[in-house]
Each structure stands twice: as structure tokens, then as C-alpha cells.
Amino acid sequence: MVEIKLSAHIVNGKIELSEEQQQKLMVINSDSPVAVIIRTDQAAEQMPEKRDILKEMAELGYESIIDYLMDYPFDIPNPIRFTRDELYER
């Protein structure tokens, strides 16, 4: 077992390592499974609690998921909005 301790920064959800740190990782065989533990002094944002929408729907007497979602839409933070042309390009 090899244990390597590195200090890094997370940018846009990815761990960024310096060239020197990447060289330290060369002792590990490619495609080898690794365990990663991330410790930080910064408090992590709390993940929203998962909802069981089918259970909520049944409890409120809805038979159609479309009707339920029209009355109780999902709250999506920072949604990406596309124009019709952008949608058809994809």
C-alpha cells in the first residue's frame, strides 16, 4: 500500500495539483483504484434533503405527476435556460 499526502485546491469541482504533486502520483499504477479523503477548514454547503415526490403526490391525492409538478415544481438553483434554436442544435 502506498500513502501519499498532498495539498491541493478545488476549482470548479476538480482537484488541481501542481506538476510536482502529479509526479508523486506516478508511483501508482495506471487504473489502480484509490481512496480519496478531502479535509477542509471551510464548511461544506448542506445538500438539500431528497424528496420522495411519488409519496408526496399520493399523500396529496394527485393521480397525475404532471398535475403535481405544475402545482409543486422543482426548485433548481441556477438553471440553464436555452432558446429553441439552442435546443435543436443539441
N, C-alpha and C. Protein backbone atom coordinates (compact mmCIF):
# COMPACT_ATOMS: atom_id res chain seq x y z
N MET A 1 0.85 -1.17 0.00
CA MET A 1 0.00 0.00 0.00
C MET A 1 0.90 1.24 0.00
N VAL A 2 0.54 2.19 -0.83
CA VAL A 2 1.26 3.45 -0.92
C VAL A 2 0.36 4.55 -0.37
N GLU A 3 0.90 5.41 0.47
CA GLU A 3 0.13 6.53 1.00
C GLU A 3 0.86 7.81 0.64
N ILE A 4 0.16 8.71 -0.03
CA ILE A 4 0.73 9.98 -0.45
C ILE A 4 -0.17 11.09 0.07
N LYS A 5 0.41 12.07 0.74
CA LYS A 5 -0.36 13.19 1.26
C LYS A 5 -0.05 14.41 0.40
N LEU A 6 -1.09 15.05 -0.12
CA LEU A 6 -0.95 16.22 -0.98
C LEU A 6 -1.84 17.36 -0.47
N SER A 7 -1.44 18.57 -0.75
CA SER A 7 -2.28 19.73 -0.50
C SER A 7 -2.67 20.27 -1.87
N ALA A 8 -3.94 20.57 -2.05
CA ALA A 8 -4.41 21.00 -3.36
C ALA A 8 -5.55 21.99 -3.19
N HIS A 9 -5.98 22.53 -4.31
CA HIS A 9 -7.14 23.44 -4.35
C HIS A 9 -8.19 22.80 -5.24
N ILE A 10 -9.45 23.07 -4.90
CA ILE A 10 -10.55 22.60 -5.73
C ILE A 10 -11.06 23.80 -6.52
N VAL A 11 -11.09 23.64 -7.84
CA VAL A 11 -11.55 24.69 -8.73
C VAL A 11 -12.65 24.10 -9.61
N ASN A 12 -13.84 24.67 -9.50
CA ASN A 12 -14.99 24.19 -10.28
C ASN A 12 -15.22 22.70 -10.08
N GLY A 13 -15.07 22.23 -8.86
CA GLY A 13 -15.36 20.83 -8.54
C GLY A 13 -14.25 19.86 -8.89
N LYS A 14 -13.10 20.36 -9.36
CA LYS A 14 -11.99 19.47 -9.72
C LYS A 14 -10.78 19.78 -8.85
N ILE A 15 -10.05 18.73 -8.48
CA ILE A 15 -8.84 18.89 -7.68
C ILE A 15 -7.70 19.28 -8.60
N GLU A 16 -7.07 20.41 -8.32
CA GLU A 16 -5.94 20.86 -9.14
C GLU A 16 -4.65 20.58 -8.39
N LEU A 17 -3.74 19.88 -9.06
CA LEU A 17 -2.45 19.53 -8.48
C LEU A 17 -1.34 20.19 -9.29
N SER A 18 -0.26 20.53 -8.59
CA SER A 18 0.91 21.08 -9.27
C SER A 18 1.63 19.96 -10.01
N GLU A 19 2.53 20.35 -10.90
CA GLU A 19 3.32 19.35 -11.64
C GLU A 19 4.11 18.45 -10.67
N GLU A 20 4.65 19.05 -9.63
CA GLU A 20 5.43 18.30 -8.63
C GLU A 20 4.55 17.24 -7.95
N GLN A 21 3.34 17.63 -7.60
CA GLN A 21 2.43 16.69 -6.96
C GLN A 21 2.02 15.58 -7.93
N GLN A 22 1.82 15.93 -9.19
CA GLN A 22 1.46 14.93 -10.18
C GLN A 22 2.59 13.91 -10.34
N GLN A 23 3.84 14.37 -10.24
CA GLN A 23 4.98 13.46 -10.35
C GLN A 23 4.99 12.45 -9.19
N LYS A 24 4.56 12.90 -8.00
CA LYS A 24 4.49 11.99 -6.86
C LYS A 24 3.50 10.85 -7.12
N LEU A 25 2.47 11.13 -7.92
CA LEU A 25 1.45 10.12 -8.20
C LEU A 25 1.90 9.10 -9.24
N MET A 26 3.02 9.33 -9.88
CA MET A 26 3.49 8.43 -10.93
C MET A 26 3.90 7.06 -10.38
N VAL A 27 4.11 6.94 -9.06
CA VAL A 27 4.47 5.64 -8.47
C VAL A 27 3.28 4.69 -8.43
N ILE A 28 2.07 5.23 -8.65
CA ILE A 28 0.86 4.41 -8.61
C ILE A 28 0.56 3.92 -10.03
N ASN A 29 0.29 2.65 -10.16
CA ASN A 29 -0.02 2.07 -11.47
C ASN A 29 -1.28 2.71 -12.04
N SER A 30 -1.29 2.90 -13.36
CA SER A 30 -2.47 3.44 -14.03
C SER A 30 -3.66 2.52 -13.79
N ASP A 31 -4.83 3.10 -13.70
CA ASP A 31 -6.10 2.39 -13.50
C ASP A 31 -6.19 1.69 -12.16
N SER A 32 -5.29 2.00 -11.22
CA SER A 32 -5.39 1.42 -9.88
C SER A 32 -6.46 2.16 -9.08
N PRO A 33 -7.30 1.44 -8.36
CA PRO A 33 -8.29 2.12 -7.52
C PRO A 33 -7.58 2.82 -6.35
N VAL A 34 -8.07 3.99 -6.00
CA VAL A 34 -7.52 4.75 -4.89
C VAL A 34 -8.67 5.23 -4.01
N ALA A 35 -8.36 5.52 -2.76
CA ALA A 35 -9.33 6.13 -1.85
C ALA A 35 -8.89 7.57 -1.63
N VAL A 36 -9.85 8.49 -1.68
CA VAL A 36 -9.54 9.91 -1.53
C VAL A 36 -10.34 10.45 -0.36
N ILE A 37 -9.65 11.13 0.54
CA ILE A 37 -10.30 11.80 1.67
C ILE A 37 -9.97 13.28 1.54
N ILE A 38 -10.99 14.12 1.56
CA ILE A 38 -10.79 15.56 1.44
C ILE A 38 -11.13 16.20 2.77
N ARG A 39 -10.18 16.95 3.30
CA ARG A 39 -10.40 17.68 4.55
C ARG A 39 -10.22 19.16 4.27
N THR A 40 -11.11 19.97 4.81
CA THR A 40 -11.03 21.41 4.63
C THR A 40 -11.51 22.12 5.88
N ASP A 41 -11.03 23.33 6.07
CA ASP A 41 -11.48 24.15 7.19
C ASP A 41 -12.81 24.82 6.88
N GLN A 42 -13.13 24.90 5.60
CA GLN A 42 -14.35 25.56 5.16
C GLN A 42 -15.54 24.62 5.34
N ALA A 43 -16.63 25.15 5.83
CA ALA A 43 -17.83 24.34 5.99
C ALA A 43 -18.44 24.07 4.62
N ALA A 44 -18.79 22.83 4.38
CA ALA A 44 -19.40 22.45 3.11
C ALA A 44 -20.86 22.89 3.10
N GLU A 45 -21.35 23.22 1.91
CA GLU A 45 -22.76 23.56 1.78
C GLU A 45 -23.59 22.31 2.03
N GLN A 46 -24.67 22.48 2.71
CA GLN A 46 -25.54 21.36 3.01
C GLN A 46 -26.30 20.93 1.76
N MET A 47 -26.32 19.64 1.51
CA MET A 47 -27.09 19.11 0.40
C MET A 47 -28.56 19.14 0.78
N PRO A 48 -29.41 19.53 -0.14
CA PRO A 48 -30.84 19.52 0.19
C PRO A 48 -31.32 18.09 0.43
N GLU A 49 -32.28 17.97 1.30
CA GLU A 49 -32.82 16.66 1.62
C GLU A 49 -33.58 16.11 0.41
N LYS A 50 -33.40 14.82 0.13
CA LYS A 50 -34.08 14.22 -1.01
C LYS A 50 -35.57 14.13 -0.75
N ARG A 51 -36.33 14.36 -1.81
CA ARG A 51 -37.79 14.29 -1.71
C ARG A 51 -38.28 13.03 -2.39
N ASP A 52 -39.28 12.41 -1.81
CA ASP A 52 -39.96 11.29 -2.45
C ASP A 52 -41.24 11.85 -3.06
N ILE A 53 -41.13 12.32 -4.31
CA ILE A 53 -42.27 13.01 -4.90
C ILE A 53 -43.45 12.08 -5.16
N LEU A 54 -43.19 10.81 -5.41
CA LEU A 54 -44.31 9.89 -5.61
C LEU A 54 -45.12 9.72 -4.32
N LYS A 55 -44.42 9.69 -3.20
CA LYS A 55 -45.10 9.58 -1.90
C LYS A 55 -45.88 10.87 -1.61
N GLU A 56 -45.22 12.03 -1.84
CA GLU A 56 -45.90 13.32 -1.63
C GLU A 56 -47.14 13.42 -2.52
N MET A 57 -46.99 13.00 -3.76
CA MET A 57 -48.08 13.06 -4.73
C MET A 57 -49.28 12.25 -4.24
N ALA A 58 -48.99 11.02 -3.76
CA ALA A 58 -50.07 10.15 -3.28
C ALA A 58 -50.72 10.73 -2.03
N GLU A 59 -49.91 11.28 -1.12
CA GLU A 59 -50.45 11.85 0.12
C GLU A 59 -51.37 13.03 -0.15
N LEU A 60 -51.06 13.79 -1.22
CA LEU A 60 -51.87 14.96 -1.54
C LEU A 60 -53.03 14.65 -2.49
N GLY A 61 -53.15 13.37 -2.88
CA GLY A 61 -54.28 12.95 -3.68
C GLY A 61 -54.13 13.17 -5.19
N TYR A 62 -52.92 13.39 -5.66
CA TYR A 62 -52.70 13.58 -7.10
C TYR A 62 -52.60 12.21 -7.78
N GLU A 63 -53.21 12.10 -8.95
CA GLU A 63 -53.08 10.88 -9.74
C GLU A 63 -52.13 11.09 -10.90
N SER A 64 -51.92 12.34 -11.28
CA SER A 64 -51.05 12.66 -12.41
C SER A 64 -49.80 13.38 -11.90
N ILE A 65 -48.64 12.86 -12.29
CA ILE A 65 -47.40 13.51 -11.88
C ILE A 65 -47.26 14.89 -12.52
N ILE A 66 -47.81 15.06 -13.71
CA ILE A 66 -47.77 16.36 -14.39
C ILE A 66 -48.54 17.39 -13.57
N ASP A 67 -49.75 17.03 -13.11
CA ASP A 67 -50.53 17.95 -12.29
C ASP A 67 -49.79 18.31 -11.01
N TYR A 68 -49.19 17.29 -10.39
CA TYR A 68 -48.43 17.53 -9.16
C TYR A 68 -47.27 18.51 -9.40
N LEU A 69 -46.50 18.25 -10.48
CA LEU A 69 -45.35 19.11 -10.75
C LEU A 69 -45.75 20.52 -11.18
N MET A 70 -46.91 20.67 -11.76
CA MET A 70 -47.40 22.02 -12.09
C MET A 70 -47.70 22.80 -10.81
N ASP A 71 -48.22 22.12 -9.80
CA ASP A 71 -48.53 22.78 -8.53
C ASP A 71 -47.32 22.89 -7.60
N TYR A 72 -46.39 21.93 -7.68
CA TYR A 72 -45.21 21.89 -6.82
C TYR A 72 -43.95 21.67 -7.67
N PRO A 73 -43.53 22.68 -8.42
CA PRO A 73 -42.37 22.50 -9.30
C PRO A 73 -41.07 22.35 -8.52
N PHE A 74 -40.08 21.73 -9.17
CA PHE A 74 -38.77 21.60 -8.57
C PHE A 74 -38.09 22.96 -8.53
N ASP A 75 -37.36 23.22 -7.46
CA ASP A 75 -36.57 24.44 -7.35
C ASP A 75 -35.14 24.08 -7.74
N ILE A 76 -34.73 24.51 -8.92
CA ILE A 76 -33.40 24.20 -9.43
C ILE A 76 -32.55 25.46 -9.36
N PRO A 77 -31.50 25.47 -8.51
CA PRO A 77 -30.67 26.67 -8.41
C PRO A 77 -29.86 26.88 -9.69
N ASN A 78 -29.79 28.11 -10.12
CA ASN A 78 -29.02 28.50 -11.31
C ASN A 78 -29.34 27.65 -12.53
N PRO A 79 -30.60 27.61 -12.94
CA PRO A 79 -30.94 26.79 -14.11
C PRO A 79 -30.32 27.37 -15.38
N ILE A 80 -30.02 26.49 -16.32
CA ILE A 80 -29.50 26.91 -17.62
C ILE A 80 -30.69 26.98 -18.57
N ARG A 81 -30.94 28.15 -19.10
CA ARG A 81 -32.07 28.34 -19.99
C ARG A 81 -31.58 28.38 -21.43
N PHE A 82 -32.23 27.61 -22.29
CA PHE A 82 -31.85 27.54 -23.70
C PHE A 82 -32.96 28.16 -24.54
N THR A 83 -32.56 28.74 -25.66
CA THR A 83 -33.53 29.18 -26.65
C THR A 83 -33.96 27.96 -27.45
N ARG A 84 -35.01 28.11 -28.22
CA ARG A 84 -35.48 27.00 -29.05
C ARG A 84 -34.38 26.56 -30.02
N ASP A 85 -33.68 27.52 -30.62
CA ASP A 85 -32.62 27.19 -31.56
C ASP A 85 -31.49 26.42 -30.88
N GLU A 86 -31.13 26.83 -29.66
CA GLU A 86 -30.07 26.13 -28.93
C GLU A 86 -30.47 24.69 -28.62
N LEU A 87 -31.73 24.49 -28.30
CA LEU A 87 -32.21 23.13 -28.00
C LEU A 87 -32.10 22.23 -29.23
N TYR A 88 -32.47 22.75 -30.38
CA TYR A 88 -32.43 21.92 -31.59
C TYR A 88 -31.04 21.71 -32.11
N GLU A 89 -30.09 22.55 -31.71
CA GLU A 89 -28.69 22.35 -32.09
C GLU A 89 -28.10 21.14 -31.39
N ARG A 90 -28.58 20.83 -30.22
CA ARG A 90 -28.04 19.73 -29.43
C ARG A 90 -28.59 18.47 -29.96
